[in-house]
Amino acid sequence: MSRKADRLEATFEALTEAEVDRVTATYAPLTEAVRQLIDATVRTQADDDLIARARTGVFAQSADSACGGQLPGRRSSAAVE
């Protein structure tokens, strides 16, 4: 997907049923895990220490994931303390 002027342009590929199954098997569990993380974040009653440890773990996982390659895009300026 690219941004040109004030519109977005996207290219879509036709996927075979096997490719759809593979992509779904890969990303559906990740999507569910992220949903659960967001839910836990919104509803947490954890103390500051536990939240700080959780944040450190999330940042570490994000950094590990970035090593596998990412598309260009916005990066958070948040830092781990």
PDB file of N, CA and C in Angstrom:
ATOM      1  N   MET A   1       0.855  -1.154   0.000  1.00  0.00           N
ATOM      2  CA  MET A   1       0.000   0.000   0.000  1.00  0.00           C
ATOM      3  C   MET A   1       0.909   1.227   0.000  1.00  0.00           C
ATOM      4  N   SER A   2       0.557   2.210  -0.780  1.00  0.00           N
ATOM      5  CA  SER A   2       1.339   3.440  -0.805  1.00  0.00           C
ATOM      6  C   SER A   2       0.420   4.643  -0.736  1.00  0.00           C
ATOM      7  N   ARG A   3       0.989   5.748  -0.267  1.00  0.00           N
ATOM      8  CA  ARG A   3       0.217   6.986  -0.163  1.00  0.00           C
ATOM      9  C   ARG A   3       0.729   7.923  -1.244  1.00  0.00           C
ATOM     10  N   LYS A   4      -0.171   8.389  -2.067  1.00  0.00           N
ATOM     11  CA  LYS A   4       0.153   9.369  -3.085  1.00  0.00           C
ATOM     12  C   LYS A   4      -0.817  10.522  -2.937  1.00  0.00           C
ATOM     13  N   ALA A   5      -0.241  11.709  -2.781  1.00  0.00           N
ATOM     14  CA  ALA A   5      -1.047  12.918  -2.578  1.00  0.00           C
ATOM     15  C   ALA A   5      -1.986  12.685  -1.406  1.00  0.00           C
ATOM     16  N   ASP A   6      -3.277  12.728  -1.643  1.00  0.00           N
ATOM     17  CA  ASP A   6      -4.214  12.520  -0.544  1.00  0.00           C
ATOM     18  C   ASP A   6      -5.087  11.295  -0.779  1.00  0.00           C
ATOM     19  N   ARG A   7      -4.474  10.225  -1.312  1.00  0.00           N
ATOM     20  CA  ARG A   7      -5.204   8.970  -1.487  1.00  0.00           C
ATOM     21  C   ARG A   7      -4.257   7.794  -1.240  1.00  0.00           C
ATOM     22  N   LEU A   8      -4.800   6.674  -0.905  1.00  0.00           N
ATOM     23  CA  LEU A   8      -4.027   5.456  -0.724  1.00  0.00           C
ATOM     24  C   LEU A   8      -4.188   4.582  -1.954  1.00  0.00           C
ATOM     25  N   GLU A   9      -3.107   3.937  -2.327  1.00  0.00           N
ATOM     26  CA  GLU A   9      -3.172   2.981  -3.423  1.00  0.00           C
ATOM     27  C   GLU A   9      -2.746   1.622  -2.887  1.00  0.00           C
ATOM     28  N   ALA A  10      -3.444   0.591  -3.272  1.00  0.00           N
ATOM     29  CA  ALA A  10      -3.112  -0.755  -2.816  1.00  0.00           C
ATOM     30  C   ALA A  10      -3.160  -1.713  -3.998  1.00  0.00           C
ATOM     31  N   THR A  11      -2.305  -2.711  -3.938  1.00  0.00           N
ATOM     32  CA  THR A  11      -2.296  -3.768  -4.934  1.00  0.00           C
ATOM     33  C   THR A  11      -2.736  -5.049  -4.246  1.00  0.00           C
ATOM     34  N   PHE A  12      -3.670  -5.737  -4.829  1.00  0.00           N
ATOM     35  CA  PHE A  12      -4.178  -6.969  -4.258  1.00  0.00           C
ATOM     36  C   PHE A  12      -3.834  -8.134  -5.168  1.00  0.00           C
ATOM     37  N   GLU A  13      -3.489  -9.255  -4.542  1.00  0.00           N
ATOM     38  CA  GLU A  13      -3.193 -10.467  -5.291  1.00  0.00           C
ATOM     39  C   GLU A  13      -4.311 -11.476  -5.076  1.00  0.00           C
ATOM     40  N   ALA A  14      -4.596 -12.247  -6.106  1.00  0.00           N
ATOM     41  CA  ALA A  14      -5.539 -13.347  -5.947  1.00  0.00           C
ATOM     42  C   ALA A  14      -4.790 -14.491  -5.277  1.00  0.00           C
ATOM     43  N   LEU A  15      -5.347 -15.022  -4.203  1.00  0.00           N
ATOM     44  CA  LEU A  15      -4.717 -16.117  -3.480  1.00  0.00           C
ATOM     45  C   LEU A  15      -5.455 -17.415  -3.752  1.00  0.00           C
ATOM     46  N   THR A  16      -4.710 -18.487  -3.793  1.00  0.00           N
ATOM     47  CA  THR A  16      -5.347 -19.792  -3.901  1.00  0.00           C
ATOM     48  C   THR A  16      -5.959 -20.142  -2.549  1.00  0.00           C
ATOM     49  N   GLU A  17      -6.795 -21.133  -2.541  1.00  0.00           N
ATOM     50  CA  GLU A  17      -7.405 -21.562  -1.286  1.00  0.00           C
ATOM     51  C   GLU A  17      -6.333 -22.025  -0.298  1.00  0.00           C
ATOM     52  N   ALA A  18      -5.312 -22.708  -0.790  1.00  0.00           N
ATOM     53  CA  ALA A  18      -4.225 -23.159   0.080  1.00  0.00           C
ATOM     54  C   ALA A  18      -3.467 -21.974   0.675  1.00  0.00           C
ATOM     55  N   GLU A  19      -3.250 -20.925  -0.112  1.00  0.00           N
ATOM     56  CA  GLU A  19      -2.566 -19.728   0.393  1.00  0.00           C
ATOM     57  C   GLU A  19      -3.413 -19.023   1.444  1.00  0.00           C
ATOM     58  N   VAL A  20      -4.720 -18.956   1.205  1.00  0.00           N
ATOM     59  CA  VAL A  20      -5.619 -18.354   2.191  1.00  0.00           C
ATOM     60  C   VAL A  20      -5.559 -19.142   3.493  1.00  0.00           C
ATOM     61  N   ASP A  21      -5.586 -20.461   3.398  1.00  0.00           N
ATOM     62  CA  ASP A  21      -5.506 -21.304   4.592  1.00  0.00           C
ATOM     63  C   ASP A  21      -4.184 -21.084   5.333  1.00  0.00           C
ATOM     64  N   ARG A  22      -3.073 -20.978   4.604  1.00  0.00           N
ATOM     65  CA  ARG A  22      -1.767 -20.767   5.212  1.00  0.00           C
ATOM     66  C   ARG A  22      -1.700 -19.408   5.918  1.00  0.00           C
ATOM     67  N   VAL A  23      -2.179 -18.366   5.235  1.00  0.00           N
ATOM     68  CA  VAL A  23      -2.159 -17.020   5.817  1.00  0.00           C
ATOM     69  C   VAL A  23      -3.057 -16.969   7.052  1.00  0.00           C
ATOM     70  N   THR A  24      -4.212 -17.581   6.970  1.00  0.00           N
ATOM     71  CA  THR A  24      -5.129 -17.614   8.114  1.00  0.00           C
ATOM     72  C   THR A  24      -4.503 -18.365   9.284  1.00  0.00           C
ATOM     73  N   ALA A  25      -3.893 -19.506   9.014  1.00  0.00           N
ATOM     74  CA  ALA A  25      -3.256 -20.285  10.080  1.00  0.00           C
ATOM     75  C   ALA A  25      -2.101 -19.517  10.718  1.00  0.00           C
ATOM     76  N   THR A  26      -1.424 -18.685   9.947  1.00  0.00           N
ATOM     77  CA  THR A  26      -0.296 -17.911  10.463  1.00  0.00           C
ATOM     78  C   THR A  26      -0.762 -16.713  11.271  1.00  0.00           C
ATOM     79  N   TYR A  27      -1.689 -15.940  10.728  1.00  0.00           N
ATOM     80  CA  TYR A  27      -2.032 -14.647  11.331  1.00  0.00           C
ATOM     81  C   TYR A  27      -3.223 -14.662  12.279  1.00  0.00           C
ATOM     82  N   ALA A  28      -4.135 -15.600  12.157  1.00  0.00           N
ATOM     83  CA  ALA A  28      -5.298 -15.623  13.052  1.00  0.00           C
ATOM     84  C   ALA A  28      -4.889 -15.788  14.521  1.00  0.00           C
ATOM     85  N   PRO A  29      -3.975 -16.703  14.858  1.00  0.00           N
ATOM     86  CA  PRO A  29      -3.561 -16.808  16.263  1.00  0.00           C
ATOM     87  C   PRO A  29      -2.847 -15.546  16.761  1.00  0.00           C
ATOM     88  N   LEU A  30      -2.045 -14.916  15.918  1.00  0.00           N
ATOM     89  CA  LEU A  30      -1.384 -13.670  16.306  1.00  0.00           C
ATOM     90  C   LEU A  30      -2.412 -12.578  16.548  1.00  0.00           C
ATOM     91  N   THR A  31      -3.388 -12.487  15.675  1.00  0.00           N
ATOM     92  CA  THR A  31      -4.450 -11.492  15.830  1.00  0.00           C
ATOM     93  C   THR A  31      -5.188 -11.695  17.142  1.00  0.00           C
ATOM     94  N   GLU A  32      -5.501 -12.926  17.479  1.00  0.00           N
ATOM     95  CA  GLU A  32      -6.201 -13.214  18.735  1.00  0.00           C
ATOM     96  C   GLU A  32      -5.323 -12.860  19.928  1.00  0.00           C
ATOM     97  N   ALA A  33      -4.032 -13.146  19.861  1.00  0.00           N
ATOM     98  CA  ALA A  33      -3.126 -12.811  20.957  1.00  0.00           C
ATOM     99  C   ALA A  33      -3.050 -11.298  21.164  1.00  0.00           C
ATOM    100  N   VAL A  34      -3.015 -10.540  20.074  1.00  0.00           N
ATOM    101  CA  VAL A  34      -2.982  -9.078  20.181  1.00  0.00           C
ATOM    102  C   VAL A  34      -4.291  -8.565  20.773  1.00  0.00           C
ATOM    103  N   ARG A  35      -5.407  -9.132  20.365  1.00  0.00           N
ATOM    104  CA  ARG A  35      -6.697  -8.736  20.946  1.00  0.00           C
ATOM    105  C   ARG A  35      -6.719  -8.982  22.453  1.00  0.00           C
ATOM    106  N   GLN A  36      -6.204 -10.143  22.870  1.00  0.00           N
ATOM    107  CA  GLN A  36      -6.170 -10.449  24.298  1.00  0.00           C
ATOM    108  C   GLN A  36      -5.242  -9.493  25.037  1.00  0.00           C
ATOM    109  N   LEU A  37      -4.115  -9.127  24.430  1.00  0.00           N
ATOM    110  CA  LEU A  37      -3.193  -8.172  25.042  1.00  0.00           C
ATOM    111  C   LEU A  37      -3.856  -6.809  25.209  1.00  0.00           C
ATOM    112  N   ILE A  38      -4.563  -6.360  24.194  1.00  0.00           N
ATOM    113  CA  ILE A  38      -5.264  -5.074  24.285  1.00  0.00           C
ATOM    114  C   ILE A  38      -6.326  -5.138  25.376  1.00  0.00           C
ATOM    115  N   ASP A  39      -7.085  -6.214  25.421  1.00  0.00           N
ATOM    116  CA  ASP A  39      -8.116  -6.364  26.453  1.00  0.00           C
ATOM    117  C   ASP A  39      -7.497  -6.342  27.841  1.00  0.00           C
ATOM    118  N   ALA A  40      -6.395  -7.068  28.018  1.00  0.00           N
ATOM    119  CA  ALA A  40      -5.731  -7.092  29.323  1.00  0.00           C
ATOM    120  C   ALA A  40      -5.199  -5.710  29.685  1.00  0.00           C
ATOM    121  N   THR A  41      -4.706  -4.984  28.692  1.00  0.00           N
ATOM    122  CA  THR A  41      -4.189  -3.638  28.933  1.00  0.00           C
ATOM    123  C   THR A  41      -5.293  -2.705  29.402  1.00  0.00           C
ATOM    124  N   VAL A  42      -6.432  -2.785  28.770  1.00  0.00           N
ATOM    125  CA  VAL A  42      -7.545  -1.897  29.100  1.00  0.00           C
ATOM    126  C   VAL A  42      -8.113  -2.215  30.481  1.00  0.00           C
ATOM    127  N   ARG A  43      -8.158  -3.495  30.824  1.00  0.00           N
ATOM    128  CA  ARG A  43      -8.843  -3.885  32.060  1.00  0.00           C
ATOM    129  C   ARG A  43      -7.912  -4.185  33.228  1.00  0.00           C
ATOM    130  N   THR A  44      -6.620  -3.951  33.078  1.00  0.00           N
ATOM    131  CA  THR A  44      -5.674  -4.344  34.123  1.00  0.00           C
ATOM    132  C   THR A  44      -5.882  -3.596  35.438  1.00  0.00           C
ATOM    133  N   GLN A  45      -5.588  -4.300  36.501  1.00  0.00           N
ATOM    134  CA  GLN A  45      -5.552  -3.704  37.832  1.00  0.00           C
ATOM    135  C   GLN A  45      -4.184  -3.998  38.454  1.00  0.00           C
ATOM    136  N   ALA A  46      -3.204  -4.280  37.590  1.00  0.00           N
ATOM    137  CA  ALA A  46      -1.863  -4.622  38.056  1.00  0.00           C
ATOM    138  C   ALA A  46      -1.173  -3.406  38.657  1.00  0.00           C
ATOM    139  N   ASP A  47      -0.183  -3.685  39.514  1.00  0.00           N
ATOM    140  CA  ASP A  47       0.584  -2.592  40.106  1.00  0.00           C
ATOM    141  C   ASP A  47       1.627  -2.080  39.107  1.00  0.00           C
ATOM    142  N   ASP A  48       2.252  -0.963  39.445  1.00  0.00           N
ATOM    143  CA  ASP A  48       3.200  -0.304  38.546  1.00  0.00           C
ATOM    144  C   ASP A  48       4.373  -1.204  38.161  1.00  0.00           C
ATOM    145  N   ASP A  49       4.873  -2.003  39.105  1.00  0.00           N
ATOM    146  CA  ASP A  49       6.017  -2.875  38.832  1.00  0.00           C
ATOM    147  C   ASP A  49       5.663  -3.937  37.787  1.00  0.00           C
ATOM    148  N   LEU A  50       4.515  -4.561  37.944  1.00  0.00           N
ATOM    149  CA  LEU A  50       4.093  -5.583  36.987  1.00  0.00           C
ATOM    150  C   LEU A  50       3.864  -4.963  35.609  1.00  0.00           C
ATOM    151  N   ILE A  51       3.279  -3.798  35.570  1.00  0.00           N
ATOM    152  CA  ILE A  51       3.052  -3.115  34.292  1.00  0.00           C
ATOM    153  C   ILE A  51       4.383  -2.789  33.627  1.00  0.00           C
ATOM    154  N   ALA A  52       5.361  -2.315  34.392  1.00  0.00           N
ATOM    155  CA  ALA A  52       6.681  -2.003  33.836  1.00  0.00           C
ATOM    156  C   ALA A  52       7.346  -3.254  33.274  1.00  0.00           C
ATOM    157  N   ARG A  53       7.244  -4.382  33.979  1.00  0.00           N
ATOM    158  CA  ARG A  53       7.824  -5.636  33.473  1.00  0.00           C
ATOM    159  C   ARG A  53       7.110  -6.099  32.214  1.00  0.00           C
ATOM    160  N   ALA A  54       5.801  -5.971  32.190  1.00  0.00           N
ATOM    161  CA  ALA A  54       5.031  -6.367  31.007  1.00  0.00           C
ATOM    162  C   ALA A  54       5.415  -5.492  29.810  1.00  0.00           C
ATOM    163  N   ARG A  55       5.534  -4.192  30.041  1.00  0.00           N
ATOM    164  CA  ARG A  55       5.908  -3.269  28.968  1.00  0.00           C
ATOM    165  C   ARG A  55       7.284  -3.633  28.411  1.00  0.00           C
ATOM    166  N   THR A  56       8.233  -3.942  29.291  1.00  0.00           N
ATOM    167  CA  THR A  56       9.567  -4.337  28.854  1.00  0.00           C
ATOM    168  C   THR A  56       9.495  -5.591  27.978  1.00  0.00           C
ATOM    169  N   GLY A  57       8.674  -6.548  28.385  1.00  0.00           N
ATOM    170  CA  GLY A  57       8.508  -7.768  27.592  1.00  0.00           C
ATOM    171  C   GLY A  57       7.892  -7.509  26.230  1.00  0.00           C
ATOM    172  N   VAL A  58       6.903  -6.634  26.183  1.00  0.00           N
ATOM    173  CA  VAL A  58       6.258  -6.309  24.909  1.00  0.00           C
ATOM    174  C   VAL A  58       7.253  -5.622  23.976  1.00  0.00           C
ATOM    175  N   PHE A  59       8.017  -4.654  24.515  1.00  0.00           N
ATOM    176  CA  PHE A  59       9.029  -3.987  23.690  1.00  0.00           C
ATOM    177  C   PHE A  59      10.082  -4.970  23.195  1.00  0.00           C
ATOM    178  N   ALA A  60      10.504  -5.896  24.048  1.00  0.00           N
ATOM    179  CA  ALA A  60      11.501  -6.889  23.649  1.00  0.00           C
ATOM    180  C   ALA A  60      10.970  -7.763  22.515  1.00  0.00           C
ATOM    181  N   GLN A  61       9.719  -8.197  22.631  1.00  0.00           N
ATOM    182  CA  GLN A  61       9.124  -9.017  21.574  1.00  0.00           C
ATOM    183  C   GLN A  61       8.985  -8.229  20.283  1.00  0.00           C
ATOM    184  N   SER A  62       8.612  -6.960  20.397  1.00  0.00           N
ATOM    185  CA  SER A  62       8.484  -6.123  19.201  1.00  0.00           C
ATOM    186  C   SER A  62       9.827  -5.974  18.511  1.00  0.00           C
ATOM    187  N   ALA A  63      10.885  -5.782  19.281  1.00  0.00           N
ATOM    188  CA  ALA A  63      12.226  -5.647  18.706  1.00  0.00           C
ATOM    189  C   ALA A  63      12.645  -6.951  18.045  1.00  0.00           C
ATOM    190  N   ASP A  64      12.365  -8.094  18.693  1.00  0.00           N
ATOM    191  CA  ASP A  64      12.692  -9.391  18.097  1.00  0.00           C
ATOM    192  C   ASP A  64      11.950  -9.591  16.785  1.00  0.00           C
ATOM    193  N   SER A  65      10.686  -9.196  16.746  1.00  0.00           N
ATOM    194  CA  SER A  65       9.880  -9.347  15.544  1.00  0.00           C
ATOM    195  C   SER A  65      10.411  -8.484  14.417  1.00  0.00           C
ATOM    196  N   ALA A  66      10.914  -7.288  14.760  1.00  0.00           N
ATOM    197  CA  ALA A  66      11.433  -6.378  13.742  1.00  0.00           C
ATOM    198  C   ALA A  66      12.666  -6.956  13.065  1.00  0.00           C
ATOM    199  N   CYS A  67      13.386  -7.830  13.753  1.00  0.00           N
ATOM    200  CA  CYS A  67      14.574  -8.433  13.156  1.00  0.00           C
ATOM    201  C   CYS A  67      14.220  -9.286  11.945  1.00  0.00           C
ATOM    202  N   GLY A  68      12.988  -9.769  11.890  1.00  0.00           N
ATOM    203  CA  GLY A  68      12.548 -10.578  10.762  1.00  0.00           C
ATOM    204  C   GLY A  68      12.185  -9.753   9.550  1.00  0.00           C
ATOM    205  N   GLY A  69      12.206  -8.444   9.680  1.00  0.00           N
ATOM    206  CA  GLY A  69      11.890  -7.552   8.572  1.00  0.00           C
ATOM    207  C   GLY A  69      10.504  -6.962   8.723  1.00  0.00           C
ATOM    208  N   GLN A  70      10.417  -5.697   8.455  1.00  0.00           N
ATOM    209  CA  GLN A  70       9.134  -5.000   8.519  1.00  0.00           C
ATOM    210  C   GLN A  70       9.025  -4.066   7.337  1.00  0.00           C
ATOM    211  N   LEU A  71       7.799  -3.803   6.956  1.00  0.00           N
ATOM    212  CA  LEU A  71       7.548  -2.799   5.941  1.00  0.00           C
ATOM    213  C   LEU A  71       7.813  -1.427   6.543  1.00  0.00           C
ATOM    214  N   PRO A  72       8.157  -0.448   5.719  1.00  0.00           N
ATOM    215  CA  PRO A  72       8.356   0.894   6.256  1.00  0.00           C
ATOM    216  C   PRO A  72       7.056   1.424   6.847  1.00  0.00           C
ATOM    217  N   GLY A  73       7.180   2.219   7.869  1.00  0.00           N
ATOM    218  CA  GLY A  73       5.991   2.790   8.477  1.00  0.00           C
ATOM    219  C   GLY A  73       6.338   3.531   9.743  1.00  0.00           C
ATOM    220  N   ARG A  74       5.318   3.997  10.408  1.00  0.00           N
ATOM    221  CA  ARG A  74       5.471   4.771  11.635  1.00  0.00           C
ATOM    222  C   ARG A  74       6.022   3.881  12.744  1.00  0.00           C
ATOM    223  N   ARG A  75       7.010   4.367  13.445  1.00  0.00           N
ATOM    224  CA  ARG A  75       7.560   3.684  14.606  1.00  0.00           C
ATOM    225  C   ARG A  75       7.227   4.509  15.829  1.00  0.00           C
ATOM    226  N   SER A  76       6.899   3.848  16.907  1.00  0.00           N
ATOM    227  CA  SER A  76       6.603   4.555  18.153  1.00  0.00           C
ATOM    228  C   SER A  76       7.872   5.183  18.701  1.00  0.00           C
ATOM    229  N   SER A  77       7.720   6.341  19.293  1.00  0.00           N
ATOM    230  CA  SER A  77       8.862   6.982  19.932  1.00  0.00           C
ATOM    231  C   SER A  77       8.968   6.607  21.397  1.00  0.00           C
ATOM    232  N   ALA A  78       8.070   5.734  21.860  1.00  0.00           N
ATOM    233  CA  ALA A  78       8.099   5.312  23.259  1.00  0.00           C
ATOM    234  C   ALA A  78       9.366   4.522  23.534  1.00  0.00           C
ATOM    235  N   ALA A  79       9.947   4.743  24.682  1.00  0.00           N
ATOM    236  CA  ALA A  79      11.173   4.048  25.049  1.00  0.00           C
ATOM    237  C   ALA A  79      10.928   3.216  26.294  1.00  0.00           C
ATOM    238  N   VAL A  80      11.682   2.133  26.406  1.00  0.00           N
ATOM    239  CA  VAL A  80      11.624   1.309  27.596  1.00  0.00           C
ATOM    240  C   VAL A  80      12.457   1.996  28.665  1.00  0.00           C
ATOM    241  N   GLU A  81      11.879   2.146  29.829  1.00  0.00           N
ATOM    242  CA  GLU A  81      12.608   2.803  30.925  1.00  0.00           C
ATOM    243  C   GLU A  81      13.361   1.807  31.729  1.00  0.00           C
TER     244      GLU A  81
END
